[in-house]
Amino acid sequence: MRSNNTSEPWRVGILFSRTGFMAVIEETQLRGTLTAIDEINDKGGINGRPVEPIVYDPGSDSKAYGLYAKKLMVEDGVSTIFGCYTSSSRKAVLPVVERLDGLLWYPTLYEGFEFSSNVIYTGATPNQNSVQLCRTLMELYGTRFYFVGSDYIYPRESNRIMRELIRHSGGSVVGERYVKFGADRSAFVPIMRDIQQVQPDVIFSTVVGEATVFLYQAYADMGLDPKVTPIASLTTSEAEVRAMGFDVGEGHLTAAPYFQGVGNDSNTTFVNRYKKRYGDDEPTNMCLEASYFQVNVFAKTLEKTNSMETNLMRDSVMGSEFDAPQGGVSINPIWGHADLWTRIGRANRQGQFDIVYESPTSVKADPYLIGYGRCLEYS
């Protein structure tokens, strides 16, 4: 039951792209956010007041995120923003929320090596995905890696980290190529030819958005075999696999805190509710799930503070726990990043992921990889 009309709503900003080359994944993040807000409002809101989302579409333009963040805070009177997928968009919003003392909830895996008292990071950091992925790939496939990424900060920094993990484990990087945002299928043809020549054991992809679809399709066109040389990724979710075709995605691997096939009661309820709302053929994914659970963590925090003042929200959310669809998660009080699960999945013919590795508990966030030695020092 919703609160009465005289109760002033809690207004929050939402910045996800529904158009442009990032829409394939950000549309699902928007859905996860709005699903959580609707569920909260259906239960009466927070302390009797509904949550009112103010939604803008940045159109996959990094600069637009910063402009809309300023609009939200200055014109719409919003102090809390849920949004951003790419690190470029996050870094466009970051100076805005820092200058105007807002709070950005960021539900996407990223390259780490960042801290801001104005951001709550609920996506995976490299110690929660890259470290175990590297180990698993070297055990199952071999030591020779080929990197393919979109040309911006996240892929280049993620590849820097993965390169050090590989070298530290006795492996090597035998090729590294980048494509522009929104690259089409033809951009990957020469890369696939090079891969055929070099014959790596693994292709590590940090391609994002619609270009992900074209990477995997170009791979399939070349007749490469994922049983021999799979594409392994941190960013390819059920959403991208659906877009590329289940047969195209089959056999490739992704490291993520969450897959739709995670087996627990919380996830079963989450998936059923999501499919009832959006359709049986609409899969959930890691970025959608993080977008969903971070709104619930926000709601629990606001219930305690009864104020959206950033410093109160920030102090109160530290150490907060939530039974998310991926399992129990918490906001690490040292970093303001979420302690998340580590999983590795292999895509199957149904467009889902068979889990081949799962951490026994959630993994504490270590965005600066302090626990991984001098070989991973930031430079």
Protein backbone atom coordinates (compact mmCIF):
# COMPACT_ATOMS: atom_id res chain seq x y z
CA MET A 1 0.00 0.00 0.00
CA ARG A 2 1.37 3.38 -0.98
CA SER A 3 1.72 6.25 1.45
CA ASN A 4 -0.94 8.96 1.25
CA ASN A 5 -0.73 11.80 -1.23
CA THR A 6 0.25 14.36 1.40
CA SER A 7 3.52 12.58 2.16
CA GLU A 8 6.44 14.16 0.34
CA PRO A 9 8.25 11.52 -1.73
CA TRP A 10 11.92 10.64 -1.47
CA ARG A 11 13.27 11.82 -4.84
CA VAL A 12 16.19 9.93 -6.40
CA GLY A 13 17.99 10.31 -9.73
CA ILE A 14 18.52 7.51 -12.23
CA LEU A 15 21.07 7.65 -15.06
CA PHE A 16 21.10 4.66 -17.40
CA SER A 17 21.13 4.67 -21.19
CA ARG A 18 18.05 3.38 -22.95
CA THR A 19 19.46 4.39 -26.33
CA GLY A 20 22.85 4.09 -28.02
CA PHE A 21 25.45 1.34 -27.97
CA MET A 22 25.28 0.75 -24.18
CA ALA A 23 21.50 0.24 -24.07
CA VAL A 24 21.83 -3.55 -24.40
CA ILE A 25 23.01 -3.74 -20.77
CA GLU A 26 21.99 -0.40 -19.24
CA GLU A 27 18.32 -0.96 -20.07
CA THR A 28 18.48 -3.98 -17.75
CA GLN A 29 20.11 -1.88 -15.01
CA LEU A 30 17.26 0.60 -15.31
CA ARG A 31 14.79 -2.25 -15.03
CA GLY A 32 16.50 -3.62 -11.92
CA THR A 33 16.44 -0.18 -10.31
CA LEU A 34 12.77 0.50 -11.09
CA THR A 35 11.74 -3.02 -10.05
CA ALA A 36 13.26 -2.47 -6.61
CA ILE A 37 11.68 0.98 -6.26
CA ASP A 38 8.24 -0.35 -7.23
CA GLU A 39 8.54 -3.21 -4.73
CA ILE A 40 9.48 -0.75 -1.99
CA ASN A 41 6.59 1.54 -2.85
CA ASP A 42 4.14 -1.36 -3.01
CA LYS A 43 5.07 -2.09 0.61
CA GLY A 44 4.33 1.46 1.68
CA GLY A 45 7.55 3.23 0.76
CA ILE A 46 10.20 4.19 3.28
CA ASN A 47 8.89 5.46 6.60
CA GLY A 48 5.54 6.00 4.94
CA ARG A 49 6.89 8.01 2.04
CA PRO A 50 7.20 6.71 -1.55
CA VAL A 51 10.40 6.76 -3.56
CA GLU A 52 10.06 8.94 -6.67
CA PRO A 53 12.54 8.19 -9.48
CA ILE A 54 13.64 10.99 -11.79
CA VAL A 55 14.99 9.24 -14.87
CA TYR A 56 17.20 10.61 -17.64
CA ASP A 57 18.62 8.82 -20.67
CA PRO A 58 22.23 9.91 -21.35
CA GLY A 59 22.14 8.12 -24.72
CA SER A 60 25.48 6.29 -24.19
CA ASP A 61 27.28 9.67 -24.22
CA SER A 62 29.73 9.92 -21.30
CA LYS A 63 29.56 13.73 -21.17
CA ALA A 64 25.77 13.59 -20.92
CA TYR A 65 26.01 11.67 -17.65
CA GLY A 66 27.85 14.56 -16.03
CA LEU A 67 25.39 17.10 -17.42
CA TYR A 68 22.37 15.13 -16.25
CA ALA A 69 23.94 14.54 -12.83
CA LYS A 70 24.30 18.30 -12.43
CA LYS A 71 20.72 18.81 -13.59
CA LEU A 72 19.48 16.26 -11.08
CA MET A 73 21.30 17.87 -8.18
CA VAL A 74 20.87 21.55 -9.06
CA GLU A 75 17.47 21.71 -10.77
CA ASP A 76 15.68 18.61 -9.47
CA GLY A 77 16.97 18.81 -5.91
CA VAL A 78 18.25 15.24 -5.87
CA SER A 79 21.16 14.14 -3.67
CA THR A 80 21.17 10.39 -4.41
CA ILE A 81 21.79 9.03 -7.92
CA PHE A 82 21.68 5.44 -9.13
CA GLY A 83 23.50 4.98 -12.38
CA CYS A 84 26.36 4.54 -14.84
CA TYR A 85 27.82 1.47 -16.51
CA THR A 86 31.10 2.52 -18.11
CA SER A 87 33.97 3.95 -16.10
CA SER A 88 33.92 6.91 -18.48
CA SER A 89 30.39 7.76 -17.44
CA ARG A 90 31.19 7.25 -13.76
CA LYS A 91 34.17 9.56 -14.02
CA ALA A 92 31.94 12.17 -15.66
CA VAL A 93 29.52 12.03 -12.71
CA LEU A 94 32.19 11.77 -10.01
CA PRO A 95 33.29 15.45 -9.91
CA VAL A 96 29.64 16.52 -9.88
CA VAL A 97 28.65 14.48 -6.83
CA GLU A 98 31.89 15.39 -5.08
CA ARG A 99 31.47 19.10 -5.71
CA LEU A 100 27.76 19.19 -4.84
CA ASP A 101 27.99 16.56 -2.08
CA GLY A 102 25.78 13.93 -3.62
CA LEU A 103 25.91 10.15 -3.41
CA LEU A 104 26.31 7.97 -6.53
CA TRP A 105 25.36 4.30 -6.27
CA TYR A 106 27.39 2.54 -8.97
CA PRO A 107 26.21 -1.02 -9.82
CA THR A 108 28.83 -2.10 -12.34
CA LEU A 109 32.05 -4.07 -12.17
CA TYR A 110 35.04 -1.82 -12.74
CA GLU A 111 38.83 -1.66 -12.81
CA GLY A 112 39.31 -0.73 -9.15
CA PHE A 113 41.95 1.70 -7.90
CA GLU A 114 39.40 4.34 -7.02
CA PHE A 115 37.82 5.59 -3.80
CA SER A 116 35.37 8.41 -3.24
CA SER A 117 33.34 9.21 -0.17
CA ASN A 118 30.58 10.21 -2.59
CA VAL A 119 30.26 6.80 -4.27
CA ILE A 120 28.95 3.43 -3.10
CA TYR A 121 30.40 0.79 -5.43
CA THR A 122 28.24 -2.33 -5.69
CA GLY A 123 29.81 -4.00 -8.73
CA ALA A 124 32.80 -6.34 -8.60
CA THR A 125 36.40 -5.19 -8.24
CA PRO A 126 39.30 -7.14 -9.80
CA ASN A 127 39.93 -9.26 -6.70
CA GLN A 128 36.32 -10.45 -6.94
CA ASN A 129 36.48 -11.53 -10.59
CA SER A 130 39.84 -11.24 -12.42
CA VAL A 131 41.96 -13.11 -9.87
CA GLN A 132 39.93 -16.31 -9.89
CA LEU A 133 39.20 -16.08 -13.60
CA CYS A 134 42.92 -16.02 -14.37
CA ARG A 135 43.52 -19.08 -12.18
CA THR A 136 40.67 -21.03 -13.72
CA LEU A 137 41.60 -20.20 -17.31
CA MET A 138 45.23 -21.23 -16.83
CA GLU A 139 44.16 -24.49 -15.22
CA LEU A 140 41.61 -25.38 -17.90
CA TYR A 141 43.02 -23.95 -21.13
CA GLY A 142 46.62 -22.75 -20.99
CA THR A 143 48.93 -19.83 -20.37
CA ARG A 144 48.85 -17.81 -23.63
CA PHE A 145 46.29 -14.97 -23.57
CA TYR A 146 45.07 -12.58 -26.25
CA PHE A 147 43.38 -9.33 -25.10
CA VAL A 148 40.50 -7.65 -26.97
CA GLY A 149 38.88 -4.56 -25.47
CA SER A 150 36.91 -1.40 -26.07
CA ASP A 151 39.21 1.61 -26.13
CA TYR A 152 38.67 3.41 -22.84
CA ILE A 153 39.88 3.34 -19.25
CA TYR A 154 38.13 0.20 -17.96
CA PRO A 155 39.48 -2.25 -20.56
CA ARG A 156 42.99 -0.82 -20.52
CA GLU A 157 43.22 -0.89 -16.72
CA SER A 158 41.56 -4.30 -16.44
CA ASN A 159 44.01 -5.65 -18.99
CA ARG A 160 46.91 -4.13 -17.06
CA ILE A 161 45.78 -6.04 -13.98
CA MET A 162 45.12 -9.27 -15.87
CA ARG A 163 48.53 -9.02 -17.56
CA GLU A 164 50.25 -8.85 -14.18
CA LEU A 165 48.22 -11.78 -12.86
CA ILE A 166 49.14 -13.82 -15.93
CA ARG A 167 52.83 -12.98 -15.76
CA HIS A 168 52.95 -13.64 -12.03
CA SER A 169 51.55 -17.13 -12.77
CA GLY A 170 54.04 -17.86 -15.56
CA GLY A 171 51.82 -17.03 -18.52
CA SER A 172 52.12 -14.51 -21.34
CA VAL A 173 50.04 -12.05 -23.36
CA VAL A 174 50.53 -12.79 -27.06
CA GLY A 175 48.31 -10.06 -28.51
CA GLU A 176 46.34 -6.96 -27.48
CA ARG A 177 43.85 -5.05 -29.62
CA TYR A 178 41.28 -2.32 -28.94
CA VAL A 179 38.21 -1.13 -30.82
CA LYS A 180 36.26 2.11 -30.56
CA PHE A 181 32.96 2.44 -28.71
CA GLY A 182 30.16 1.18 -30.91
CA ALA A 183 32.49 -0.82 -33.17
CA ASP A 184 30.66 -2.87 -35.79
CA ARG A 185 31.18 -6.46 -36.84
CA SER A 186 33.79 -5.61 -39.47
CA ALA A 187 36.11 -4.18 -36.81
CA PHE A 188 36.62 -7.66 -35.36
CA VAL A 189 37.40 -9.49 -38.61
CA PRO A 190 41.12 -8.54 -38.73
CA ILE A 191 41.39 -9.24 -35.00
CA MET A 192 40.01 -12.74 -35.50
CA ARG A 193 42.43 -13.33 -38.37
CA ASP A 194 45.29 -12.31 -36.11
CA ILE A 195 44.02 -14.65 -33.42
CA GLN A 196 43.98 -17.50 -35.95
CA GLN A 197 47.62 -16.75 -36.71
CA VAL A 198 48.79 -16.35 -33.11
CA GLN A 199 46.73 -19.27 -31.73
CA PRO A 200 46.37 -18.20 -28.09
CA ASP A 201 44.89 -20.50 -25.47
CA VAL A 202 42.38 -17.90 -24.27
CA ILE A 203 40.85 -14.66 -25.57
CA PHE A 204 40.22 -12.23 -22.71
CA SER A 205 37.50 -9.74 -23.68
CA THR A 206 36.86 -6.35 -22.11
CA VAL A 207 34.63 -5.28 -24.99
CA VAL A 208 31.43 -3.62 -23.75
CA GLY A 209 27.98 -2.78 -25.06
CA GLU A 210 26.66 -3.69 -28.48
CA ALA A 211 30.18 -4.38 -29.76
CA THR A 212 30.28 -7.44 -27.50
CA VAL A 213 27.69 -9.05 -29.74
CA PHE A 214 29.79 -8.41 -32.85
CA LEU A 215 32.96 -9.78 -31.23
CA TYR A 216 31.39 -13.14 -30.51
CA GLN A 217 29.65 -13.29 -33.87
CA ALA A 218 32.93 -12.59 -35.67
CA TYR A 219 34.53 -15.37 -33.60
CA ALA A 220 31.79 -17.79 -34.69
CA ASP A 221 32.12 -16.70 -38.33
CA MET A 222 35.80 -17.67 -38.25
CA GLY A 223 34.91 -21.15 -37.06
CA LEU A 224 36.92 -20.92 -33.85
CA ASP A 225 36.12 -23.47 -31.15
CA PRO A 226 35.34 -22.34 -27.55
CA LYS A 227 36.28 -25.81 -26.29
CA VAL A 228 39.83 -25.05 -27.45
CA THR A 229 40.15 -21.25 -27.30
CA PRO A 230 37.23 -19.67 -25.45
CA ILE A 231 36.46 -16.01 -25.02
CA ALA A 232 36.58 -15.22 -21.31
CA SER A 233 35.07 -12.00 -20.03
CA LEU A 234 34.12 -9.93 -17.01
CA THR A 235 31.41 -8.06 -18.92
CA THR A 236 29.52 -10.59 -21.07
CA SER A 237 26.26 -11.34 -19.28
CA GLU A 238 23.00 -13.10 -20.11
CA ALA A 239 21.86 -9.87 -21.81
CA GLU A 240 24.70 -9.87 -24.34
CA VAL A 241 24.40 -13.64 -24.90
CA ARG A 242 20.73 -13.21 -25.71
CA ALA A 243 21.57 -10.45 -28.20
CA MET A 244 24.33 -12.42 -29.98
CA GLY A 245 22.41 -15.71 -30.13
CA PHE A 246 22.57 -18.60 -27.69
CA ASP A 247 24.47 -20.77 -30.18
CA VAL A 248 27.09 -18.04 -30.62
CA GLY A 249 27.62 -17.59 -26.88
CA GLU A 250 27.71 -21.28 -26.01
CA GLY A 251 30.96 -22.47 -24.43
CA HIS A 252 32.39 -19.06 -23.54
CA LEU A 253 33.11 -18.00 -19.95
CA THR A 254 32.33 -15.03 -17.71
CA ALA A 255 33.38 -14.19 -14.15
CA ALA A 256 30.63 -12.45 -12.18
CA PRO A 257 29.12 -12.29 -8.69
CA TYR A 258 25.75 -13.36 -10.07
CA PHE A 259 24.18 -15.49 -12.79
CA GLN A 260 20.48 -16.17 -13.23
CA GLY A 261 21.11 -19.83 -12.41
CA VAL A 262 22.34 -19.15 -8.85
CA GLY A 263 20.50 -21.59 -6.63
CA ASN A 264 18.91 -19.96 -3.59
CA ASP A 265 15.42 -18.93 -2.49
CA SER A 266 16.15 -15.21 -2.74
CA ASN A 267 17.20 -15.56 -6.36
CA THR A 268 14.27 -17.79 -7.27
CA THR A 269 11.87 -15.15 -5.95
CA PHE A 270 13.80 -12.37 -7.73
CA VAL A 271 13.87 -14.14 -11.09
CA ASN A 272 10.19 -15.08 -10.92
CA ARG A 273 9.15 -11.51 -10.10
CA TYR A 274 11.35 -10.08 -12.85
CA LYS A 275 10.04 -12.46 -15.50
CA LYS A 276 6.45 -11.84 -14.44
CA ARG A 277 7.04 -8.15 -15.01
CA TYR A 278 9.14 -8.22 -18.20
CA GLY A 279 8.45 -11.61 -19.81
CA ASP A 280 9.61 -15.20 -19.52
CA ASP A 281 12.26 -14.71 -22.21
CA GLU A 282 13.91 -11.77 -20.42
CA PRO A 283 16.97 -12.97 -18.45
CA THR A 284 18.44 -11.41 -15.36
CA ASN A 285 22.18 -10.61 -15.17
CA MET A 286 24.91 -9.39 -12.82
CA CYS A 287 24.47 -5.68 -13.54
CA LEU A 288 20.70 -5.88 -13.21
CA GLU A 289 21.06 -7.74 -9.91
CA ALA A 290 23.51 -5.18 -8.49
CA SER A 291 21.16 -2.38 -9.57
CA TYR A 292 18.34 -4.16 -7.75
CA PHE A 293 20.09 -4.95 -4.51
CA GLN A 294 21.74 -1.54 -4.13
CA VAL A 295 18.31 0.14 -4.11
CA ASN A 296 17.29 -2.21 -1.31
CA VAL A 297 20.46 -1.38 0.64
CA PHE A 298 19.66 2.31 0.09
CA ALA A 299 16.11 1.74 1.40
CA LYS A 300 17.32 -0.01 4.56
CA THR A 301 19.76 2.84 5.16
CA LEU A 302 17.17 5.56 4.59
CA GLU A 303 14.77 3.82 6.92
CA LYS A 304 17.37 4.26 9.68
CA THR A 305 18.48 7.81 8.88
CA ASN A 306 15.08 9.15 7.79
CA SER A 307 17.20 11.71 5.95
CA MET A 308 18.85 11.75 2.54
CA GLU A 309 21.65 13.98 3.74
CA THR A 310 24.74 12.49 2.13
CA ASN A 311 26.97 12.32 5.19
CA LEU A 312 24.26 10.58 7.22
CA MET A 313 23.51 8.10 4.44
CA ARG A 314 27.21 7.44 3.89
CA ASP A 315 27.96 6.81 7.58
CA SER A 316 24.90 4.62 8.07
CA VAL A 317 25.34 2.40 5.02
CA MET A 318 28.83 1.24 6.04
CA GLY A 319 28.69 -2.39 7.12
CA SER A 320 25.09 -2.73 5.93
CA GLU A 321 24.08 -6.26 4.94
CA PHE A 322 21.45 -7.54 2.53
CA ASP A 323 20.25 -10.95 1.38
CA ALA A 324 20.73 -10.30 -2.34
CA PRO A 325 19.83 -12.74 -5.13
CA GLN A 326 23.54 -13.63 -5.44
CA GLY A 327 23.68 -14.41 -1.68
CA GLY A 328 24.49 -12.33 1.36
CA VAL A 329 26.31 -9.09 0.51
CA SER A 330 27.56 -6.19 2.62
CA ILE A 331 29.03 -2.73 2.15
CA ASN A 332 32.66 -2.91 3.21
CA PRO A 333 33.19 -0.13 5.79
CA ILE A 334 36.82 0.39 4.76
CA TRP A 335 36.25 1.06 1.08
CA GLY A 336 32.56 1.74 0.50
CA HIS A 337 32.62 -1.15 -1.98
CA ALA A 338 30.39 -4.22 -1.72
CA ASP A 339 31.66 -7.57 -0.48
CA LEU A 340 30.39 -9.87 -3.23
CA TRP A 341 30.50 -13.48 -4.40
CA THR A 342 32.96 -14.76 -6.99
CA ARG A 343 31.57 -17.07 -9.64
CA ILE A 344 32.67 -18.31 -13.06
CA GLY A 345 30.08 -19.50 -15.54
CA ARG A 346 30.18 -21.18 -18.93
CA ALA A 347 27.39 -20.18 -21.32
CA ASN A 348 25.11 -22.99 -22.47
CA ARG A 349 22.74 -23.46 -25.42
CA GLN A 350 19.83 -22.04 -23.38
CA GLY A 351 21.55 -18.66 -22.97
CA GLN A 352 22.28 -19.27 -19.31
CA PHE A 353 25.55 -19.97 -17.50
CA ASP A 354 26.56 -23.27 -15.94
CA ILE A 355 28.55 -22.36 -12.84
CA VAL A 356 32.02 -23.93 -12.90
CA TYR A 357 33.40 -22.10 -9.85
CA GLU A 358 31.75 -20.53 -6.83
CA SER A 359 33.44 -18.97 -3.80
CA PRO A 360 32.42 -20.57 -0.48
CA THR A 361 31.44 -17.15 0.92
CA SER A 362 31.33 -13.56 -0.26
CA VAL A 363 34.74 -12.04 -1.05
CA LYS A 364 35.79 -8.86 0.71
CA ALA A 365 36.32 -5.92 -1.61
CA ASP A 366 40.00 -5.08 -2.18
CA PRO A 367 39.85 -2.39 -4.89
CA TYR A 368 43.56 -1.59 -4.63
CA LEU A 369 44.59 -5.28 -4.65
CA ILE A 370 46.52 -4.76 -1.44
CA GLY A 371 46.31 -8.47 -0.72
CA TYR A 372 48.00 -9.50 -3.97
CA GLY A 373 51.60 -8.38 -3.62
CA ARG A 374 53.99 -6.00 -5.33
CA CYS A 375 53.41 -7.55 -8.72
CA LEU A 376 50.07 -5.71 -8.82
CA GLU A 377 51.17 -2.29 -7.60
CA TYR A 378 49.37 0.54 -9.34
CA SER A 379 51.58 2.54 -11.64
